[in-house]
Amino acid sequence: MSMCAAAANLTSPPEGNIGRVLENTAIAFIVVLTVLVILRYCARYTAKTPWGWEDLLIPFAYLSNLGICVVSIGRSLEYLG
């Protein structure tokens, strides 16, 4: 463990553990984000508008957010378990 983590007392869960709240929030973000990305591409397809550079970056943003949510769920389960 690093000296910074020991100095900040990050070795144990904080008082009033909010692991379940973090887990539920991460799951909600996964669901909402997935629905919005699907709707975005369906709208582009339906409207037959040309694809732009932002349409190419959306999958990378989606995967980044998905990764953050998975890590958050893992951390909350670590504190709860």
C-alpha atoms as a PDB file:
ATOM      1  CA  MET A   1       0.000   0.000   0.000  1.00  0.00           C
ATOM      2  CA  SER A   2       1.266   3.461  -0.787  1.00  0.00           C
ATOM      3  CA  MET A   3       2.100   6.022   1.857  1.00  0.00           C
ATOM      4  CA  CYS A   4      -0.634   8.328   0.528  1.00  0.00           C
ATOM      5  CA  ALA A   5      -3.313   5.668   1.039  1.00  0.00           C
ATOM      6  CA  ALA A   6      -2.068   4.971   4.558  1.00  0.00           C
ATOM      7  CA  ALA A   7      -1.966   8.685   5.386  1.00  0.00           C
ATOM      8  CA  ALA A   8      -5.492   9.184   4.102  1.00  0.00           C
ATOM      9  CA  ASN A   9      -6.675   6.128   6.081  1.00  0.00           C
ATOM     10  CA  LEU A  10      -8.003   4.420   2.945  1.00  0.00           C
ATOM     11  CA  THR A  11      -7.347   0.949   4.261  1.00  0.00           C
ATOM     12  CA  SER A  12     -10.857   0.416   5.662  1.00  0.00           C
ATOM     13  CA  PRO A  13     -14.321   1.382   4.468  1.00  0.00           C
ATOM     14  CA  PRO A  14     -15.522   4.796   5.561  1.00  0.00           C
ATOM     15  CA  GLU A  15     -18.095   5.304   8.290  1.00  0.00           C
ATOM     16  CA  GLY A  16     -21.630   4.964   6.967  1.00  0.00           C
ATOM     17  CA  ASN A  17     -20.682   2.661   4.087  1.00  0.00           C
ATOM     18  CA  ILE A  18     -22.613   3.617   0.960  1.00  0.00           C
ATOM     19  CA  GLY A  19     -21.551   0.624  -1.136  1.00  0.00           C
ATOM     20  CA  ARG A  20     -25.098  -0.308  -2.131  1.00  0.00           C
ATOM     21  CA  VAL A  21     -25.846   3.248  -3.240  1.00  0.00           C
ATOM     22  CA  LEU A  22     -22.719   3.276  -5.400  1.00  0.00           C
ATOM     23  CA  GLU A  23     -23.600  -0.123  -6.860  1.00  0.00           C
ATOM     24  CA  ASN A  24     -27.178   0.909  -7.681  1.00  0.00           C
ATOM     25  CA  THR A  25     -26.038   4.180  -9.217  1.00  0.00           C
ATOM     26  CA  ALA A  26     -23.489   2.412 -11.418  1.00  0.00           C
ATOM     27  CA  ILE A  27     -26.105  -0.092 -12.596  1.00  0.00           C
ATOM     28  CA  ALA A  28     -28.526   2.735 -13.377  1.00  0.00           C
ATOM     29  CA  PHE A  29     -25.846   4.527 -15.411  1.00  0.00           C
ATOM     30  CA  ILE A  30     -25.102   1.341 -17.363  1.00  0.00           C
ATOM     31  CA  VAL A  31     -28.769   0.862 -18.249  1.00  0.00           C
ATOM     32  CA  VAL A  32     -29.482   4.495 -19.106  1.00  0.00           C
ATOM     33  CA  LEU A  33     -26.290   4.946 -21.101  1.00  0.00           C
ATOM     34  CA  THR A  34     -26.890   1.768 -23.099  1.00  0.00           C
ATOM     35  CA  VAL A  35     -30.426   2.846 -23.975  1.00  0.00           C
ATOM     36  CA  LEU A  36     -29.272   6.332 -24.998  1.00  0.00           C
ATOM     37  CA  VAL A  37     -26.457   5.049 -27.212  1.00  0.00           C
ATOM     38  CA  ILE A  38     -28.841   2.642 -28.952  1.00  0.00           C
ATOM     39  CA  LEU A  39     -31.395   5.425 -29.447  1.00  0.00           C
ATOM     40  CA  ARG A  40     -28.701   7.711 -30.853  1.00  0.00           C
ATOM     41  CA  TYR A  41     -27.677   5.224 -33.532  1.00  0.00           C
ATOM     42  CA  CYS A  42     -31.310   4.325 -34.299  1.00  0.00           C
ATOM     43  CA  ALA A  43     -32.122   8.014 -34.766  1.00  0.00           C
ATOM     44  CA  ARG A  44     -29.136   8.464 -37.085  1.00  0.00           C
ATOM     45  CA  TYR A  45     -30.206   5.450 -39.112  1.00  0.00           C
ATOM     46  CA  THR A  46     -33.873   6.476 -39.258  1.00  0.00           C
ATOM     47  CA  ALA A  47     -33.167  10.110 -40.183  1.00  0.00           C
ATOM     48  CA  LYS A  48     -30.545   9.006 -42.722  1.00  0.00           C
ATOM     49  CA  THR A  49     -28.205  11.780 -41.635  1.00  0.00           C
ATOM     50  CA  PRO A  50     -24.507  11.545 -42.434  1.00  0.00           C
ATOM     51  CA  TRP A  51     -22.262  10.196 -39.724  1.00  0.00           C
ATOM     52  CA  GLY A  52     -19.795  12.567 -38.126  1.00  0.00           C
ATOM     53  CA  TRP A  53     -16.669  12.216 -36.056  1.00  0.00           C
ATOM     54  CA  GLU A  54     -18.734  12.186 -32.844  1.00  0.00           C
ATOM     55  CA  ASP A  55     -20.436   8.981 -34.000  1.00  0.00           C
ATOM     56  CA  LEU A  56     -17.037   7.326 -34.161  1.00  0.00           C
ATOM     57  CA  LEU A  57     -16.093   8.490 -30.653  1.00  0.00           C
ATOM     58  CA  ILE A  58     -19.300   7.368 -28.933  1.00  0.00           C
ATOM     59  CA  PRO A  59     -18.254   3.678 -28.627  1.00  0.00           C
ATOM     60  CA  PHE A  60     -14.998   4.708 -26.917  1.00  0.00           C
ATOM     61  CA  ALA A  61     -16.875   6.953 -24.475  1.00  0.00           C
ATOM     62  CA  TYR A  62     -19.397   4.178 -23.869  1.00  0.00           C
ATOM     63  CA  LEU A  63     -16.669   1.634 -23.101  1.00  0.00           C
ATOM     64  CA  SER A  64     -14.869   4.102 -20.823  1.00  0.00           C
ATOM     65  CA  ASN A  65     -18.024   4.793 -18.841  1.00  0.00           C
ATOM     66  CA  LEU A  66     -18.836   1.085 -18.725  1.00  0.00           C
ATOM     67  CA  GLY A  67     -15.363   0.407 -17.337  1.00  0.00           C
ATOM     68  CA  ILE A  68     -15.772   3.036 -14.629  1.00  0.00           C
ATOM     69  CA  CYS A  69     -19.133   1.560 -13.642  1.00  0.00           C
ATOM     70  CA  VAL A  70     -17.720  -1.971 -13.482  1.00  0.00           C
ATOM     71  CA  VAL A  71     -14.812  -0.811 -11.312  1.00  0.00           C
ATOM     72  CA  SER A  72     -17.253   1.043  -9.042  1.00  0.00           C
ATOM     73  CA  ILE A  73     -19.409  -2.058  -8.660  1.00  0.00           C
ATOM     74  CA  GLY A  74     -16.309  -4.119  -7.900  1.00  0.00           C
ATOM     75  CA  ARG A  75     -15.174  -1.666  -5.242  1.00  0.00           C
ATOM     76  CA  SER A  76     -18.612  -1.532  -3.631  1.00  0.00           C
ATOM     77  CA  LEU A  77     -18.760  -5.345  -3.511  1.00  0.00           C
ATOM     78  CA  GLU A  78     -15.301  -5.388  -1.947  1.00  0.00           C
ATOM     79  CA  TYR A  79     -16.504  -3.104   0.851  1.00  0.00           C
ATOM     80  CA  LEU A  80     -19.753  -5.022   1.318  1.00  0.00           C
ATOM     81  CA  GLY A  81     -18.242  -8.507   1.165  1.00  0.00           C
END
